[in-house]
C-alpha atoms as a PDB file:
ATOM      1  CA  MET A   1      -4.737   1.223-198.817  1.00  0.00           C
ATOM      2  CA  LYS A   2      -7.192  -1.652-199.264  1.00  0.00           C
ATOM      3  CA  GLU A   3      -4.747  -4.137-197.696  1.00  0.00           C
ATOM      4  CA  LEU A   4      -4.222  -1.857-194.704  1.00  0.00           C
ATOM      5  CA  LEU A   5      -7.965  -1.700-194.132  1.00  0.00           C
ATOM      6  CA  LYS A   6      -8.267  -5.498-194.442  1.00  0.00           C
ATOM      7  CA  GLU A   7      -5.488  -5.897-191.859  1.00  0.00           C
ATOM      8  CA  ARG A   8      -7.189  -3.478-189.449  1.00  0.00           C
ATOM      9  CA  VAL A   9     -10.507  -5.311-189.787  1.00  0.00           C
ATOM     10  CA  LEU A  10      -8.808  -8.683-189.271  1.00  0.00           C
ATOM     11  CA  LEU A  11      -6.975  -7.503-186.164  1.00  0.00           C
ATOM     12  CA  SER A  12     -10.131  -5.929-184.771  1.00  0.00           C
ATOM     13  CA  ASN A  13     -12.023  -9.202-185.333  1.00  0.00           C
ATOM     14  CA  LEU A  14      -9.219 -11.182-183.716  1.00  0.00           C
ATOM     15  CA  LEU A  15      -9.416  -8.867-180.726  1.00  0.00           C
ATOM     16  CA  GLN A  16     -13.125  -9.700-180.395  1.00  0.00           C
ATOM     17  CA  GLU A  17     -12.367 -13.428-180.422  1.00  0.00           C
ATOM     18  CA  TYR A  18      -9.254 -13.522-178.263  1.00  0.00           C
ATOM     19  CA  GLY A  19      -9.333 -10.267-176.300  1.00  0.00           C
ATOM     20  CA  ALA A  20     -10.033 -12.082-173.051  1.00  0.00           C
ATOM     21  CA  LEU A  21      -6.644 -13.793-173.370  1.00  0.00           C
ATOM     22  CA  LEU A  22      -4.794 -10.464-173.349  1.00  0.00           C
ATOM     23  CA  THR A  23      -3.819  -8.333-170.393  1.00  0.00           C
ATOM     24  CA  GLU A  24      -5.999  -5.324-169.608  1.00  0.00           C
ATOM     25  CA  SER A  25      -3.237  -2.989-170.780  1.00  0.00           C
ATOM     26  CA  GLN A  26      -2.774  -4.853-174.083  1.00  0.00           C
ATOM     27  CA  ARG A  27      -6.522  -4.830-174.682  1.00  0.00           C
ATOM     28  CA  ASP A  28      -6.811  -1.126-173.845  1.00  0.00           C
ATOM     29  CA  ILE A  29      -3.956  -0.035-176.121  1.00  0.00           C
ATOM     30  CA  PHE A  30      -5.065  -2.299-178.963  1.00  0.00           C
ATOM     31  CA  THR A  31      -8.706  -1.209-178.722  1.00  0.00           C
ATOM     32  CA  SER A  32      -7.717   2.450-178.578  1.00  0.00           C
ATOM     33  CA  TYR A  33      -5.641   2.157-181.730  1.00  0.00           C
ATOM     34  CA  TYR A  34      -7.621  -0.288-183.883  1.00  0.00           C
ATOM     35  CA  ASN A  35     -11.211   0.299-182.787  1.00  0.00           C
ATOM     36  CA  TYR A  36     -11.191   3.983-181.795  1.00  0.00           C
ATOM     37  CA  ASP A  37      -8.472   5.181-184.186  1.00  0.00           C
ATOM     38  CA  ILE A  38      -6.580   7.042-181.453  1.00  0.00           C
ATOM     39  CA  SER A  39      -3.061   8.041-182.506  1.00  0.00           C
ATOM     40  CA  LEU A  40       0.056   6.466-181.035  1.00  0.00           C
ATOM     41  CA  SER A  41       1.016   9.780-179.439  1.00  0.00           C
ATOM     42  CA  GLU A  42      -2.405  10.209-177.840  1.00  0.00           C
ATOM     43  CA  ILE A  43      -2.361   6.685-176.456  1.00  0.00           C
ATOM     44  CA  ALA A  44       1.144   7.225-175.091  1.00  0.00           C
ATOM     45  CA  SER A  45       0.064  10.450-173.446  1.00  0.00           C
ATOM     46  CA  ASN A  46      -3.081   8.882-171.952  1.00  0.00           C
ATOM     47  CA  LYS A  47      -1.184   5.854-170.618  1.00  0.00           C
ATOM     48  CA  LYS A  48       1.832   7.949-169.571  1.00  0.00           C
ATOM     49  CA  ILE A  49       4.223   5.750-171.537  1.00  0.00           C
ATOM     50  CA  SER A  50       6.476   6.387-174.520  1.00  0.00           C
ATOM     51  CA  ARG A  51       5.253   6.252-178.101  1.00  0.00           C
ATOM     52  CA  SER A  52       7.694   3.421-178.777  1.00  0.00           C
ATOM     53  CA  ALA A  53       6.184   1.446-175.868  1.00  0.00           C
ATOM     54  CA  VAL A  54       2.783   1.801-177.541  1.00  0.00           C
ATOM     55  CA  GLU A  55       4.222   0.616-180.885  1.00  0.00           C
ATOM     56  CA  ASP A  56       5.906  -2.319-179.144  1.00  0.00           C
ATOM     57  CA  SER A  57       2.685  -3.282-177.381  1.00  0.00           C
ATOM     58  CA  LEU A  58       0.694  -3.119-180.640  1.00  0.00           C
ATOM     59  CA  SER A  59       3.263  -5.239-182.452  1.00  0.00           C
ATOM     60  CA  LYS A  60       3.459  -7.897-179.728  1.00  0.00           C
ATOM     61  CA  THR A  61      -0.307  -7.997-179.321  1.00  0.00           C
ATOM     62  CA  SER A  62      -0.845  -8.339-183.087  1.00  0.00           C
ATOM     63  CA  HIS A  63       1.564 -11.270-183.209  1.00  0.00           C
ATOM     64  CA  LYS A  64      -0.106 -12.844-180.190  1.00  0.00           C
ATOM     65  CA  LEU A  65      -3.590 -12.556-181.724  1.00  0.00           C
ATOM     66  CA  LEU A  66      -2.406 -14.012-185.046  1.00  0.00           C
ATOM     67  CA  GLU A  67      -0.716 -16.857-183.174  1.00  0.00           C
ATOM     68  CA  TYR A  68      -3.915 -17.629-181.236  1.00  0.00           C
ATOM     69  CA  GLU A  69      -5.859 -17.777-184.503  1.00  0.00           C
ATOM     70  CA  SER A  70      -3.246 -19.993-186.177  1.00  0.00           C
ATOM     71  CA  LYS A  71      -3.609 -22.489-183.334  1.00  0.00           C
ATOM     72  CA  LEU A  72      -7.300 -22.251-182.433  1.00  0.00           C
ATOM     73  CA  HIS A  73      -8.953 -21.134-185.717  1.00  0.00           C
ATOM     74  CA  LEU A  74     -11.957 -19.614-183.916  1.00  0.00           C
ATOM     75  CA  LEU A  75     -12.363 -16.718-186.328  1.00  0.00           C
ATOM     76  CA  SER A  76     -12.039 -18.865-189.440  1.00  0.00           C
ATOM     77  CA  LYS A  77     -14.550 -21.379-188.029  1.00  0.00           C
ATOM     78  CA  LYS A  78     -16.932 -18.559-187.198  1.00  0.00           C
ATOM     79  CA  ASP A  79     -16.596 -17.164-190.730  1.00  0.00           C
ATOM     80  CA  GLU A  80     -17.172 -20.611-192.222  1.00  0.00           C
ATOM     81  CA  LEU A  81     -20.230 -21.174-190.031  1.00  0.00           C
ATOM     82  CA  ASN A  82     -21.627 -17.804-191.068  1.00  0.00           C
ATOM     83  CA  ALA A  83     -21.055 -18.626-194.756  1.00  0.00           C
ATOM     84  CA  LYS A  84     -22.883 -21.972-194.370  1.00  0.00           C
ATOM     85  CA  PHE A  85     -25.758 -20.215-192.629  1.00  0.00           C
ATOM     86  CA  LEU A  86     -26.048 -17.577-195.382  1.00  0.00           C
ATOM     87  CA  GLU A  87     -25.915 -20.319-197.998  1.00  0.00           C
ATOM     88  CA  GLY A  88     -28.767 -22.081-196.203  1.00  0.00           C
ATOM     89  CA  VAL A  89     -30.805 -18.892-196.065  1.00  0.00           C
ATOM     90  CA  LYS A  90     -30.337 -18.310-199.810  1.00  0.00           C
ATOM     91  CA  THR A  91     -31.279 -21.845-200.792  1.00  0.00           C
ATOM     92  CA  ASN A  92     -33.671 -22.530-197.917  1.00  0.00           C
ATOM     93  CA  ASP A  93     -31.654 -25.706-197.282  1.00  0.00           C
ATOM     94  CA  TYR A  94     -29.862 -25.955-193.951  1.00  0.00           C
ATOM     95  CA  THR A  95     -28.509 -29.500-194.316  1.00  0.00           C
ATOM     96  CA  LYS A  96     -24.947 -28.303-195.021  1.00  0.00           C
ATOM     97  CA  LEU A  97     -25.115 -26.083-191.944  1.00  0.00           C
ATOM     98  CA  GLY A  98     -26.284 -29.020-189.856  1.00  0.00           C
ATOM     99  CA  GLU A  99     -23.520 -31.232-191.261  1.00  0.00           C
ATOM    100  CA  TYR A 100     -20.938 -28.575-190.537  1.00  0.00           C
ATOM    101  CA  ILE A 101     -22.160 -28.076-186.947  1.00  0.00           C
ATOM    102  CA  HIS A 102     -22.261 -31.836-186.406  1.00  0.00           C
ATOM    103  CA  GLY A 103     -18.668 -32.074-187.628  1.00  0.00           C
ATOM    104  CA  LEU A 104     -17.454 -29.568-185.019  1.00  0.00           C
END
């Protein structure tokens, strides 16, 4: 259960980073399922497509988003930047954050 939730959060975050690279239909189906928790059947009915077409779209879009991240690393860089910032806030020392930003 915990792994399923982690996967949903990851895919939702990837959609935020790379959603502009998807088609409107891919974005709509993916957002409906992962962000609004609409069932496959409801999405299929709303889009007037088959349930298997919705599943296929979700699968292809998931792979596409994971591929974008494996090549561009935007989400991992954002997470790392956030961690450096929080570390700086805790210690009141932002030198590591500055070094990290300079290294980008």
